[in-house]
């Protein structure tokens, strides 16, 4: 169990349609049943200002952004999210379950979009974004993920509309991050049934002695 006032930041990463939101909700339900203090949040979003930026970034809007502009907008949203939600929750000793976080910027805007990774690192440092304690990477073939994704139904398909090559680059970037940081990142095959994905996610948390 967590010692008092020692929050843990658990992030969920992966490509489109990998099931991050489904797993995040299942983890939150499990923690609620255990009587643990937690918050469930997402990026971009989590607070009103960040939600407004989300509308610019992921809707069907015809506004086009350069990759660096996207990185700056994601960072602006993250700055509000960290200050108002993530940092206070960690200070209270809560679990934070976050659907997308820093690694998405590294994968989408840096590796696939061409923004220097050093620039993304500087932006994260500038806003004092805490590093995740554990990242659950839901790995899925991009073609299958795009077929499964529900973004279009919610008017949030800006990234889905990019080519398969872009999404393969995103997947490759996530896997490269996992290979470089195996102690932080647990890779889970997202094509498995949701209950197995949840069991493997919980096993990764339990292996760290947090629950």
N, C-alpha and C. Protein backbone atom coordinates (compact mmCIF):
# COMPACT_ATOMS: atom_id res chain seq x y z
N UNK A 1 0.84 -1.20 0.00
CA UNK A 1 0.00 0.00 0.00
C UNK A 1 0.88 1.26 0.00
N UNK A 2 0.29 2.36 -0.45
CA UNK A 2 1.03 3.60 -0.50
C UNK A 2 1.27 4.15 0.90
N UNK A 3 2.49 4.63 1.20
CA UNK A 3 2.68 5.38 2.42
C UNK A 3 1.93 6.70 2.33
N UNK A 4 1.70 7.34 3.48
CA UNK A 4 0.93 8.58 3.50
C UNK A 4 1.60 9.64 2.63
N UNK A 5 0.77 10.36 1.86
CA UNK A 5 1.20 11.49 1.06
C UNK A 5 2.32 11.13 0.09
N UNK A 6 2.21 10.00 -0.52
CA UNK A 6 3.17 9.61 -1.57
C UNK A 6 2.39 9.20 -2.79
N UNK A 7 1.93 10.19 -3.55
CA UNK A 7 1.09 9.90 -4.70
C UNK A 7 1.85 9.19 -5.80
N UNK A 8 1.10 8.51 -6.64
CA UNK A 8 1.67 7.79 -7.78
C UNK A 8 0.97 8.24 -9.05
N UNK A 9 1.76 8.57 -10.06
CA UNK A 9 1.21 8.98 -11.35
C UNK A 9 1.31 7.81 -12.32
N UNK A 10 0.16 7.29 -12.71
CA UNK A 10 0.08 6.17 -13.64
C UNK A 10 -0.50 6.71 -14.95
N UNK A 11 0.28 6.61 -16.02
CA UNK A 11 -0.18 7.11 -17.31
C UNK A 11 -0.47 5.95 -18.26
N UNK A 12 -1.44 6.17 -19.13
CA UNK A 12 -1.82 5.18 -20.15
C UNK A 12 -1.50 5.76 -21.51
N UNK A 13 -0.74 5.02 -22.28
CA UNK A 13 -0.31 5.49 -23.58
C UNK A 13 -0.60 4.45 -24.65
N UNK A 14 -0.55 4.88 -25.90
CA UNK A 14 -0.78 3.99 -27.03
C UNK A 14 -1.41 4.76 -28.17
N UNK A 15 -1.53 4.09 -29.29
CA UNK A 15 -2.08 4.72 -30.48
C UNK A 15 -3.60 4.81 -30.44
N UNK A 16 -4.16 5.25 -31.56
CA UNK A 16 -5.61 5.39 -31.67
C UNK A 16 -6.27 4.01 -31.52
N UNK A 17 -7.38 3.98 -30.78
CA UNK A 17 -8.17 2.76 -30.67
C UNK A 17 -7.55 1.66 -29.84
N UNK A 18 -6.53 1.98 -29.04
CA UNK A 18 -5.85 0.95 -28.25
C UNK A 18 -6.61 0.56 -26.99
N UNK A 19 -7.60 1.34 -26.59
CA UNK A 19 -8.38 1.00 -25.41
C UNK A 19 -7.93 1.68 -24.14
N UNK A 20 -7.24 2.81 -24.26
CA UNK A 20 -6.74 3.51 -23.08
C UNK A 20 -7.87 3.98 -22.17
N UNK A 21 -8.90 4.58 -22.75
CA UNK A 21 -10.00 5.09 -21.94
C UNK A 21 -10.73 3.96 -21.22
N UNK A 22 -10.91 2.84 -21.91
CA UNK A 22 -11.57 1.69 -21.29
C UNK A 22 -10.77 1.18 -20.11
N UNK A 23 -9.45 1.05 -20.30
CA UNK A 23 -8.60 0.58 -19.20
C UNK A 23 -8.57 1.58 -18.06
N UNK A 24 -8.50 2.86 -18.38
CA UNK A 24 -8.45 3.88 -17.33
C UNK A 24 -9.69 3.79 -16.43
N UNK A 25 -10.85 3.63 -17.03
CA UNK A 25 -12.08 3.52 -16.25
C UNK A 25 -12.09 2.25 -15.41
N UNK A 26 -11.57 1.14 -15.97
CA UNK A 26 -11.53 -0.12 -15.23
C UNK A 26 -10.57 -0.02 -14.05
N UNK A 27 -9.43 0.64 -14.23
CA UNK A 27 -8.49 0.83 -13.13
C UNK A 27 -9.11 1.69 -12.04
N UNK A 28 -9.81 2.73 -12.44
CA UNK A 28 -10.46 3.59 -11.46
C UNK A 28 -11.49 2.80 -10.65
N UNK A 29 -12.27 1.96 -11.32
CA UNK A 29 -13.26 1.15 -10.61
C UNK A 29 -12.58 0.20 -9.62
N UNK A 30 -11.47 -0.41 -10.03
CA UNK A 30 -10.75 -1.31 -9.13
C UNK A 30 -10.24 -0.56 -7.90
N UNK A 31 -9.70 0.62 -8.11
CA UNK A 31 -9.18 1.39 -6.98
C UNK A 31 -10.30 1.86 -6.06
N UNK A 32 -11.45 2.19 -6.64
CA UNK A 32 -12.60 2.57 -5.83
C UNK A 32 -13.03 1.41 -4.95
N UNK A 33 -13.06 0.21 -5.51
CA UNK A 33 -13.44 -0.98 -4.75
C UNK A 33 -12.44 -1.28 -3.64
N UNK A 34 -11.20 -0.92 -3.85
CA UNK A 34 -10.16 -1.13 -2.82
C UNK A 34 -10.16 -0.03 -1.77
N UNK A 35 -10.95 1.01 -1.99
CA UNK A 35 -11.00 2.12 -1.05
C UNK A 35 -9.81 3.05 -1.15
N UNK A 36 -9.17 3.10 -2.32
CA UNK A 36 -8.00 3.93 -2.51
C UNK A 36 -8.40 5.31 -3.03
N UNK A 37 -7.64 6.32 -2.64
CA UNK A 37 -7.87 7.68 -3.13
C UNK A 37 -7.24 7.82 -4.50
N UNK A 38 -8.01 8.27 -5.48
CA UNK A 38 -7.50 8.38 -6.84
C UNK A 38 -8.24 9.48 -7.57
N UNK A 39 -7.66 9.92 -8.67
CA UNK A 39 -8.39 10.75 -9.63
C UNK A 39 -8.18 10.13 -11.01
N UNK A 40 -9.18 10.26 -11.85
CA UNK A 40 -9.13 9.79 -13.23
C UNK A 40 -9.20 11.01 -14.13
N UNK A 41 -8.22 11.17 -15.00
CA UNK A 41 -8.17 12.36 -15.83
C UNK A 41 -7.59 12.01 -17.20
N UNK A 42 -7.48 13.01 -18.06
CA UNK A 42 -7.00 12.75 -19.42
C UNK A 42 -6.30 13.97 -19.97
N UNK A 43 -5.56 13.75 -21.06
CA UNK A 43 -4.94 14.85 -21.78
C UNK A 43 -5.22 14.72 -23.28
N UNK A 44 -5.33 15.87 -23.97
CA UNK A 44 -5.45 17.19 -23.36
C UNK A 44 -6.82 17.33 -22.71
N UNK A 45 -6.85 18.02 -21.59
CA UNK A 45 -8.09 18.21 -20.86
C UNK A 45 -7.86 18.16 -19.37
N UNK A 46 -8.91 17.86 -18.65
CA UNK A 46 -8.81 17.73 -17.20
C UNK A 46 -9.22 18.96 -16.43
N UNK A 47 -9.12 20.12 -17.05
CA UNK A 47 -9.57 21.39 -16.46
C UNK A 47 -10.17 22.22 -17.60
N UNK A 48 -11.01 23.22 -17.29
CA UNK A 48 -11.71 23.95 -18.35
C UNK A 48 -10.79 24.55 -19.41
N UNK A 49 -9.70 25.18 -19.00
CA UNK A 49 -8.81 25.80 -19.99
C UNK A 49 -8.21 24.75 -20.92
N UNK A 50 -7.81 23.62 -20.36
CA UNK A 50 -7.23 22.55 -21.18
C UNK A 50 -8.28 21.92 -22.07
N UNK A 51 -9.52 21.84 -21.59
CA UNK A 51 -10.59 21.29 -22.43
C UNK A 51 -10.85 22.17 -23.65
N UNK A 52 -10.70 23.48 -23.47
CA UNK A 52 -10.88 24.39 -24.61
C UNK A 52 -9.77 24.18 -25.64
N UNK A 53 -8.55 23.99 -25.15
CA UNK A 53 -7.44 23.72 -26.06
C UNK A 53 -7.66 22.39 -26.76
N UNK A 54 -8.22 21.41 -26.05
CA UNK A 54 -8.52 20.11 -26.67
C UNK A 54 -9.42 20.28 -27.89
N UNK A 55 -10.39 21.19 -27.79
CA UNK A 55 -11.29 21.40 -28.91
C UNK A 55 -10.53 21.84 -30.16
N UNK A 56 -9.47 22.63 -29.96
CA UNK A 56 -8.66 23.06 -31.09
C UNK A 56 -7.83 21.92 -31.65
N UNK A 57 -7.37 21.04 -30.78
CA UNK A 57 -6.38 20.04 -31.16
C UNK A 57 -6.95 18.78 -31.78
N UNK A 58 -8.11 18.33 -31.32
CA UNK A 58 -8.55 17.00 -31.74
C UNK A 58 -9.88 16.96 -32.47
N UNK A 59 -10.51 18.10 -32.68
CA UNK A 59 -11.78 18.09 -33.38
C UNK A 59 -11.58 18.05 -34.89
N UNK A 60 -12.69 18.05 -35.62
CA UNK A 60 -12.65 18.00 -37.08
C UNK A 60 -12.38 19.37 -37.71
N UNK A 61 -11.99 20.31 -36.89
CA UNK A 61 -11.71 21.65 -37.39
C UNK A 61 -10.73 21.60 -38.56
N UNK A 62 -10.92 22.50 -39.53
CA UNK A 62 -10.04 22.58 -40.68
C UNK A 62 -8.77 23.37 -40.37
N UNK A 63 -8.66 23.89 -39.16
CA UNK A 63 -7.44 24.61 -38.78
C UNK A 63 -6.27 23.63 -38.76
N UNK A 64 -5.20 23.97 -39.45
CA UNK A 64 -4.03 23.12 -39.51
C UNK A 64 -2.92 23.71 -38.65
N UNK A 65 -2.25 22.85 -37.88
CA UNK A 65 -1.16 23.29 -37.02
C UNK A 65 0.14 22.60 -37.44
N UNK A 66 1.23 23.34 -37.38
CA UNK A 66 2.54 22.73 -37.53
C UNK A 66 2.81 21.87 -36.29
N UNK A 67 3.64 20.83 -36.41
CA UNK A 67 3.91 19.97 -35.25
C UNK A 67 4.40 20.73 -34.02
N UNK A 68 5.25 21.74 -34.22
CA UNK A 68 5.72 22.51 -33.06
C UNK A 68 4.57 23.27 -32.42
N UNK A 69 3.67 23.82 -33.22
CA UNK A 69 2.50 24.50 -32.67
C UNK A 69 1.67 23.52 -31.85
N UNK A 70 1.48 22.31 -32.38
CA UNK A 70 0.76 21.28 -31.62
C UNK A 70 1.45 21.02 -30.29
N UNK A 71 2.77 20.88 -30.30
CA UNK A 71 3.50 20.61 -29.06
C UNK A 71 3.32 21.74 -28.06
N UNK A 72 3.33 22.98 -28.55
CA UNK A 72 3.14 24.12 -27.66
C UNK A 72 1.73 24.15 -27.08
N UNK A 73 0.73 23.83 -27.91
CA UNK A 73 -0.64 23.81 -27.42
C UNK A 73 -0.85 22.69 -26.40
N UNK A 74 -0.32 21.50 -26.69
CA UNK A 74 -0.41 20.41 -25.72
C UNK A 74 0.27 20.81 -24.41
N UNK A 75 1.40 21.50 -24.51
CA UNK A 75 2.12 21.91 -23.30
C UNK A 75 1.32 22.96 -22.53
N UNK A 76 0.68 23.87 -23.24
CA UNK A 76 -0.16 24.87 -22.56
C UNK A 76 -1.29 24.19 -21.79
N UNK A 77 -1.94 23.22 -22.44
CA UNK A 77 -3.00 22.49 -21.76
C UNK A 77 -2.44 21.71 -20.57
N UNK A 78 -1.28 21.10 -20.77
CA UNK A 78 -0.66 20.30 -19.69
C UNK A 78 -0.26 21.19 -18.51
N UNK A 79 0.18 22.39 -18.79
CA UNK A 79 0.57 23.30 -17.71
C UNK A 79 -0.60 23.55 -16.76
N UNK A 80 -1.78 23.81 -17.33
CA UNK A 80 -2.97 24.02 -16.49
C UNK A 80 -3.35 22.73 -15.77
N UNK A 81 -3.26 21.61 -16.48
CA UNK A 81 -3.65 20.31 -15.92
C UNK A 81 -2.75 19.92 -14.76
N UNK A 82 -1.44 20.09 -14.94
CA UNK A 82 -0.49 19.75 -13.87
C UNK A 82 -0.72 20.64 -12.65
N UNK A 83 -0.84 21.94 -12.88
CA UNK A 83 -0.95 22.88 -11.76
C UNK A 83 -2.25 22.69 -10.98
N UNK A 84 -3.35 22.43 -11.69
CA UNK A 84 -4.65 22.40 -11.03
C UNK A 84 -5.09 21.00 -10.58
N UNK A 85 -4.58 19.96 -11.23
CA UNK A 85 -5.09 18.61 -10.95
C UNK A 85 -3.99 17.66 -10.51
N UNK A 86 -2.99 17.46 -11.37
CA UNK A 86 -2.02 16.39 -11.12
C UNK A 86 -1.16 16.67 -9.90
N UNK A 87 -0.52 17.83 -9.86
CA UNK A 87 0.37 18.13 -8.74
C UNK A 87 -0.36 18.13 -7.39
N UNK A 88 -1.53 18.77 -7.28
CA UNK A 88 -2.24 18.72 -5.99
C UNK A 88 -2.62 17.30 -5.57
N UNK A 89 -3.05 16.48 -6.53
CA UNK A 89 -3.43 15.10 -6.20
C UNK A 89 -2.23 14.30 -5.70
N UNK A 90 -1.09 14.45 -6.37
CA UNK A 90 0.11 13.74 -5.93
C UNK A 90 0.53 14.22 -4.54
N UNK A 91 0.39 15.52 -4.28
CA UNK A 91 0.76 16.05 -2.97
C UNK A 91 -0.14 15.49 -1.87
N UNK A 92 -1.39 15.19 -2.22
CA UNK A 92 -2.31 14.58 -1.23
C UNK A 92 -2.00 13.11 -1.01
N UNK A 93 -1.20 12.51 -1.88
CA UNK A 93 -0.93 11.09 -1.77
C UNK A 93 -1.87 10.23 -2.58
N UNK A 94 -2.60 10.82 -3.53
CA UNK A 94 -3.56 10.09 -4.34
C UNK A 94 -2.87 9.41 -5.52
N UNK A 95 -3.53 8.38 -6.03
CA UNK A 95 -3.18 7.86 -7.34
C UNK A 95 -3.74 8.83 -8.38
N UNK A 96 -2.98 9.03 -9.45
CA UNK A 96 -3.48 9.77 -10.61
C UNK A 96 -3.42 8.82 -11.80
N UNK A 97 -4.58 8.55 -12.39
CA UNK A 97 -4.67 7.73 -13.59
C UNK A 97 -4.92 8.70 -14.75
N UNK A 98 -3.95 8.82 -15.64
CA UNK A 98 -4.04 9.82 -16.70
C UNK A 98 -3.99 9.17 -18.08
N UNK A 99 -5.03 9.38 -18.86
CA UNK A 99 -5.15 8.88 -20.22
C UNK A 99 -4.38 9.84 -21.14
N UNK A 100 -3.18 9.46 -21.52
CA UNK A 100 -2.19 10.21 -22.30
C UNK A 100 -1.47 11.22 -21.41
N UNK A 101 -0.17 11.40 -21.76
CA UNK A 101 0.64 12.36 -21.00
C UNK A 101 1.90 12.67 -21.82
N UNK A 102 3.03 12.82 -21.18
CA UNK A 102 4.25 13.27 -21.85
C UNK A 102 4.67 12.40 -23.02
N UNK A 103 4.52 11.08 -22.87
CA UNK A 103 4.98 10.19 -23.93
C UNK A 103 4.21 10.39 -25.23
N UNK A 104 2.96 10.81 -25.14
CA UNK A 104 2.20 11.08 -26.37
C UNK A 104 2.81 12.24 -27.14
N UNK A 105 3.26 13.26 -26.44
CA UNK A 105 3.92 14.38 -27.11
C UNK A 105 5.21 13.90 -27.77
N UNK A 106 5.95 13.04 -27.06
CA UNK A 106 7.19 12.51 -27.62
C UNK A 106 6.93 11.67 -28.87
N UNK A 107 5.85 10.92 -28.85
CA UNK A 107 5.56 10.02 -29.97
C UNK A 107 4.92 10.76 -31.14
N UNK A 108 3.89 11.56 -30.87
CA UNK A 108 3.13 12.19 -31.95
C UNK A 108 3.84 13.42 -32.52
N UNK A 109 4.21 14.35 -31.66
CA UNK A 109 4.79 15.60 -32.17
C UNK A 109 6.28 15.47 -32.47
N UNK A 110 7.02 14.71 -31.65
CA UNK A 110 8.46 14.60 -31.87
C UNK A 110 8.78 13.51 -32.89
N UNK A 111 8.58 12.26 -32.53
CA UNK A 111 9.00 11.17 -33.41
C UNK A 111 8.26 11.16 -34.74
N UNK A 112 6.93 11.28 -34.71
CA UNK A 112 6.15 11.24 -35.95
C UNK A 112 6.02 12.60 -36.61
N UNK A 113 6.06 13.67 -35.81
CA UNK A 113 5.85 15.01 -36.35
C UNK A 113 7.11 15.77 -36.69
N UNK A 114 8.25 15.37 -36.12
CA UNK A 114 9.49 16.02 -36.47
C UNK A 114 9.97 17.10 -35.53
N UNK A 115 9.24 17.35 -34.42
CA UNK A 115 9.72 18.32 -33.43
C UNK A 115 10.92 17.70 -32.70
N UNK A 116 12.01 18.44 -32.52
CA UNK A 116 13.16 17.88 -31.81
C UNK A 116 12.76 17.38 -30.42
N UNK A 117 13.21 16.18 -30.09
CA UNK A 117 12.88 15.62 -28.77
C UNK A 117 13.42 16.50 -27.65
N UNK A 118 14.53 17.18 -27.93
CA UNK A 118 15.10 18.08 -26.92
C UNK A 118 14.15 19.22 -26.61
N UNK A 119 13.40 19.68 -27.62
CA UNK A 119 12.44 20.76 -27.41
C UNK A 119 11.30 20.28 -26.52
N UNK A 120 10.83 19.05 -26.75
CA UNK A 120 9.76 18.50 -25.91
C UNK A 120 10.23 18.36 -24.46
N UNK A 121 11.49 17.97 -24.28
CA UNK A 121 12.03 17.84 -22.93
C UNK A 121 12.09 19.20 -22.24
N UNK A 122 12.49 20.23 -22.98
CA UNK A 122 12.55 21.57 -22.40
C UNK A 122 11.16 22.05 -22.00
N UNK A 123 10.16 21.79 -22.84
CA UNK A 123 8.79 22.20 -22.52
C UNK A 123 8.29 21.51 -21.27
N UNK A 124 8.58 20.22 -21.14
CA UNK A 124 8.14 19.48 -19.95
C UNK A 124 8.81 20.02 -18.70
N UNK A 125 10.08 20.35 -18.82
CA UNK A 125 10.81 20.90 -17.68
C UNK A 125 10.29 22.29 -17.32
N UNK A 126 9.96 23.07 -18.34
CA UNK A 126 9.50 24.44 -18.12
C UNK A 126 8.25 24.48 -17.26
N UNK A 127 7.34 23.51 -17.46
CA UNK A 127 6.08 23.51 -16.71
C UNK A 127 6.15 22.60 -15.48
N UNK A 128 7.33 22.09 -15.19
CA UNK A 128 7.53 21.22 -14.01
C UNK A 128 6.57 20.02 -14.05
N UNK A 129 6.48 19.41 -15.21
CA UNK A 129 5.60 18.24 -15.34
C UNK A 129 6.24 17.05 -14.63
N UNK A 130 5.57 16.47 -13.64
CA UNK A 130 6.16 15.32 -12.95
C UNK A 130 6.26 14.12 -13.88
N UNK A 131 7.31 13.35 -13.73
CA UNK A 131 7.46 12.14 -14.52
C UNK A 131 6.51 11.06 -14.02
N UNK A 132 5.99 10.23 -14.91
CA UNK A 132 5.11 9.13 -14.45
C UNK A 132 5.90 8.14 -13.60
N UNK A 133 5.21 7.57 -12.62
CA UNK A 133 5.80 6.48 -11.84
C UNK A 133 5.66 5.16 -12.58
N UNK A 134 4.60 5.04 -13.36
CA UNK A 134 4.36 3.85 -14.16
C UNK A 134 3.60 4.27 -15.41
N UNK A 135 4.02 3.74 -16.54
CA UNK A 135 3.29 3.96 -17.79
C UNK A 135 2.85 2.62 -18.34
N UNK A 136 1.58 2.49 -18.60
CA UNK A 136 1.01 1.29 -19.21
C UNK A 136 0.84 1.58 -20.70
N UNK A 137 1.66 0.93 -21.50
CA UNK A 137 1.63 1.15 -22.94
C UNK A 137 0.78 0.07 -23.59
N UNK A 138 -0.35 0.47 -24.15
CA UNK A 138 -1.23 -0.46 -24.85
C UNK A 138 -0.79 -0.52 -26.30
N UNK A 139 -0.17 -1.61 -26.66
CA UNK A 139 0.42 -1.74 -27.99
C UNK A 139 -0.55 -2.46 -28.94
N UNK A 140 -0.75 -1.86 -30.11
CA UNK A 140 -1.72 -2.41 -31.06
C UNK A 140 -1.28 -2.05 -32.48
N UNK A 141 -1.51 -2.97 -33.41
CA UNK A 141 -1.26 -2.68 -34.81
C UNK A 141 -2.06 -1.44 -35.21
N UNK A 142 -1.42 -0.43 -35.81
CA UNK A 142 -2.14 0.81 -36.12
C UNK A 142 -3.35 0.61 -37.02
N UNK A 143 -3.28 -0.31 -37.96
CA UNK A 143 -4.43 -0.54 -38.84
C UNK A 143 -5.64 -1.01 -38.05
N UNK A 144 -5.41 -1.91 -37.11
CA UNK A 144 -6.49 -2.39 -36.26
C UNK A 144 -6.98 -1.28 -35.33
N UNK A 145 -6.05 -0.52 -34.81
CA UNK A 145 -6.43 0.57 -33.91
C UNK A 145 -7.29 1.61 -34.59
N UNK A 146 -6.93 1.99 -35.79
CA UNK A 146 -7.72 2.98 -36.52
C UNK A 146 -9.11 2.44 -36.82
N UNK A 147 -9.22 1.14 -37.09
CA UNK A 147 -10.53 0.54 -37.34
C UNK A 147 -11.38 0.52 -36.07
N UNK A 148 -10.73 0.39 -34.92
CA UNK A 148 -11.44 0.33 -33.64
C UNK A 148 -11.77 1.69 -33.06
N UNK A 149 -11.03 2.71 -33.47
CA UNK A 149 -11.13 4.01 -32.83
C UNK A 149 -12.52 4.62 -33.00
N UNK A 150 -12.96 5.31 -31.95
CA UNK A 150 -14.28 5.95 -31.95
C UNK A 150 -14.17 7.47 -32.07
N UNK A 151 -12.98 7.95 -32.41
CA UNK A 151 -12.79 9.39 -32.47
C UNK A 151 -13.73 10.08 -33.44
N UNK A 152 -13.96 9.47 -34.60
CA UNK A 152 -14.82 10.10 -35.59
C UNK A 152 -16.24 10.28 -35.07
N UNK A 153 -16.71 9.29 -34.29
CA UNK A 153 -18.07 9.38 -33.75
C UNK A 153 -18.21 10.54 -32.78
N UNK A 154 -17.10 10.96 -32.17
CA UNK A 154 -17.14 12.06 -31.20
C UNK A 154 -16.59 13.35 -31.79
N UNK A 155 -16.35 13.36 -33.10
CA UNK A 155 -15.83 14.56 -33.73
C UNK A 155 -14.39 14.85 -33.35
N UNK A 156 -13.63 13.82 -32.97
CA UNK A 156 -12.25 14.01 -32.53
C UNK A 156 -11.32 13.13 -33.37
N UNK A 157 -11.30 13.37 -34.66
CA UNK A 157 -10.52 12.48 -35.53
C UNK A 157 -9.40 13.19 -36.27
N UNK A 158 -8.94 14.33 -35.73
CA UNK A 158 -7.85 15.05 -36.40
C UNK A 158 -6.65 14.14 -36.63
N UNK A 159 -6.27 13.39 -35.59
CA UNK A 159 -5.09 12.53 -35.72
C UNK A 159 -5.41 11.24 -36.45
N UNK A 160 -6.62 10.75 -36.30
CA UNK A 160 -7.01 9.53 -37.02
C UNK A 160 -6.88 9.72 -38.53
N UNK A 161 -7.12 10.91 -39.02
CA UNK A 161 -7.13 11.16 -40.45
C UNK A 161 -5.74 11.19 -41.06
N UNK A 162 -4.72 11.12 -40.25
CA UNK A 162 -3.36 11.08 -40.77
C UNK A 162 -3.06 9.67 -41.27
N UNK A 163 -2.12 9.56 -42.15
CA UNK A 163 -1.87 8.30 -42.82
C UNK A 163 -1.38 7.19 -41.92
N UNK A 164 -1.49 5.96 -42.43
CA UNK A 164 -1.05 4.80 -41.67
C UNK A 164 0.43 4.89 -41.33
N UNK A 165 1.22 5.49 -42.23
CA UNK A 165 2.65 5.64 -41.96
C UNK A 165 2.91 6.49 -40.74
N UNK A 166 2.10 7.55 -40.56
CA UNK A 166 2.23 8.40 -39.37
C UNK A 166 1.97 7.58 -38.12
N UNK A 167 0.91 6.79 -38.13
CA UNK A 167 0.55 6.02 -36.94
C UNK A 167 1.52 4.88 -36.67
N UNK A 168 2.14 4.34 -37.71
CA UNK A 168 3.19 3.35 -37.49
C UNK A 168 4.39 4.00 -36.82
N UNK A 169 4.71 5.24 -37.22
CA UNK A 169 5.82 5.96 -36.58
C UNK A 169 5.52 6.23 -35.12
N UNK A 170 4.26 6.52 -34.82
CA UNK A 170 3.85 6.72 -33.43
C UNK A 170 4.05 5.43 -32.63
N UNK A 171 3.60 4.32 -33.20
CA UNK A 171 3.77 3.03 -32.50
C UNK A 171 5.25 2.73 -32.26
N UNK A 172 6.05 2.92 -33.29
CA UNK A 172 7.48 2.66 -33.16
C UNK A 172 8.10 3.52 -32.07
N UNK A 173 7.64 4.77 -31.98
CA UNK A 173 8.17 5.68 -30.97
C UNK A 173 7.80 5.21 -29.56
N UNK A 174 6.56 4.80 -29.37
CA UNK A 174 6.15 4.30 -28.07
C UNK A 174 6.98 3.08 -27.67
N UNK A 175 7.18 2.17 -28.60
CA UNK A 175 7.95 0.96 -28.30
C UNK A 175 9.41 1.30 -28.02
N UNK A 176 9.94 2.31 -28.68
CA UNK A 176 11.31 2.74 -28.41
C UNK A 176 11.43 3.33 -27.01
N UNK A 177 10.42 4.08 -26.59
CA UNK A 177 10.40 4.63 -25.23
C UNK A 177 10.37 3.49 -24.21
N UNK A 178 9.53 2.48 -24.48
CA UNK A 178 9.43 1.34 -23.57
C UNK A 178 10.75 0.59 -23.48
N UNK A 179 11.42 0.44 -24.60
CA UNK A 179 12.71 -0.26 -24.60
C UNK A 179 13.76 0.52 -23.82
N UNK A 180 13.71 1.84 -23.92
CA UNK A 180 14.69 2.69 -23.24
C UNK A 180 14.41 2.80 -21.74
N UNK A 181 13.14 2.65 -21.35
CA UNK A 181 12.77 2.81 -19.93
C UNK A 181 11.93 1.63 -19.46
N UNK A 182 12.49 0.43 -19.46
CA UNK A 182 11.70 -0.76 -19.11
C UNK A 182 11.21 -0.78 -17.67
N UNK A 183 11.88 -0.08 -16.77
CA UNK A 183 11.44 -0.06 -15.37
C UNK A 183 10.19 0.79 -15.19
N UNK A 184 10.00 1.77 -16.08
CA UNK A 184 8.82 2.64 -15.98
C UNK A 184 7.68 2.16 -16.85
N UNK A 185 7.97 1.64 -18.02
CA UNK A 185 6.94 1.34 -19.02
C UNK A 185 6.66 -0.15 -19.08
N UNK A 186 5.39 -0.52 -18.88
CA UNK A 186 4.94 -1.90 -19.03
C UNK A 186 4.14 -1.99 -20.32
N UNK A 187 4.58 -2.83 -21.23
CA UNK A 187 3.90 -2.99 -22.52
C UNK A 187 2.85 -4.09 -22.41
N UNK A 188 1.63 -3.77 -22.83
CA UNK A 188 0.51 -4.71 -22.78
C UNK A 188 -0.08 -4.83 -24.18
N UNK A 189 -0.27 -6.06 -24.64
CA UNK A 189 -0.87 -6.28 -25.95
C UNK A 189 -2.34 -5.88 -25.91
N UNK A 190 -2.69 -4.84 -26.64
CA UNK A 190 -4.03 -4.26 -26.54
C UNK A 190 -5.08 -5.04 -27.30
N UNK A 191 -4.68 -6.01 -28.13
CA UNK A 191 -5.66 -6.79 -28.89
C UNK A 191 -6.32 -7.85 -28.03
N UNK A 192 -5.83 -8.07 -26.82
CA UNK A 192 -6.41 -9.06 -25.92
C UNK A 192 -7.77 -8.59 -25.39
N UNK A 193 -8.58 -9.49 -24.85
CA UNK A 193 -9.85 -9.08 -24.24
C UNK A 193 -9.61 -8.07 -23.11
N UNK A 194 -10.54 -7.14 -22.93
CA UNK A 194 -10.35 -6.09 -21.92
C UNK A 194 -10.04 -6.61 -20.52
N UNK A 195 -10.64 -7.75 -20.13
CA UNK A 195 -10.40 -8.24 -18.79
C UNK A 195 -8.97 -8.73 -18.61
N UNK A 196 -8.37 -9.23 -19.69
CA UNK A 196 -6.98 -9.66 -19.61
C UNK A 196 -6.06 -8.45 -19.58
N UNK A 197 -6.38 -7.43 -20.37
CA UNK A 197 -5.61 -6.19 -20.35
C UNK A 197 -5.63 -5.60 -18.94
N UNK A 198 -6.80 -5.58 -18.31
CA UNK A 198 -6.92 -5.06 -16.95
C UNK A 198 -6.09 -5.89 -15.99
N UNK A 199 -6.16 -7.20 -16.10
CA UNK A 199 -5.41 -8.07 -15.19
C UNK A 199 -3.91 -7.82 -15.31
N UNK A 200 -3.43 -7.63 -16.53
CA UNK A 200 -2.01 -7.39 -16.72
C UNK A 200 -1.61 -6.01 -16.22
N UNK A 201 -2.49 -5.04 -16.37
CA UNK A 201 -2.23 -3.71 -15.83
C UNK A 201 -2.14 -3.74 -14.31
N UNK A 202 -3.08 -4.44 -13.68
CA UNK A 202 -3.07 -4.56 -12.22
C UNK A 202 -1.83 -5.31 -11.75
N UNK A 203 -1.41 -6.31 -12.51
CA UNK A 203 -0.21 -7.07 -12.16
C UNK A 203 1.02 -6.15 -12.17
N UNK A 204 1.07 -5.23 -13.14
CA UNK A 204 2.19 -4.29 -13.20
C UNK A 204 2.19 -3.36 -11.99
N UNK A 205 1.02 -2.96 -11.55
CA UNK A 205 0.91 -2.11 -10.36
C UNK A 205 1.27 -2.89 -9.10
N UNK A 206 0.76 -4.10 -9.00
CA UNK A 206 1.03 -4.94 -7.83
C UNK A 206 2.50 -5.29 -7.74
N UNK A 207 3.16 -5.47 -8.88
CA UNK A 207 4.59 -5.80 -8.87
C UNK A 207 5.42 -4.71 -8.23
N UNK A 208 4.89 -3.50 -8.20
CA UNK A 208 5.59 -2.39 -7.58
C UNK A 208 5.19 -2.19 -6.13
N UNK A 209 4.29 -3.06 -5.63
CA UNK A 209 3.90 -3.01 -4.24
C UNK A 209 3.00 -1.87 -3.86
N UNK A 210 2.26 -1.33 -4.85
CA UNK A 210 1.42 -0.19 -4.58
C UNK A 210 0.02 -0.56 -4.14
N UNK A 211 -0.45 -1.75 -4.51
CA UNK A 211 -1.78 -2.19 -4.11
C UNK A 211 -1.68 -3.63 -3.60
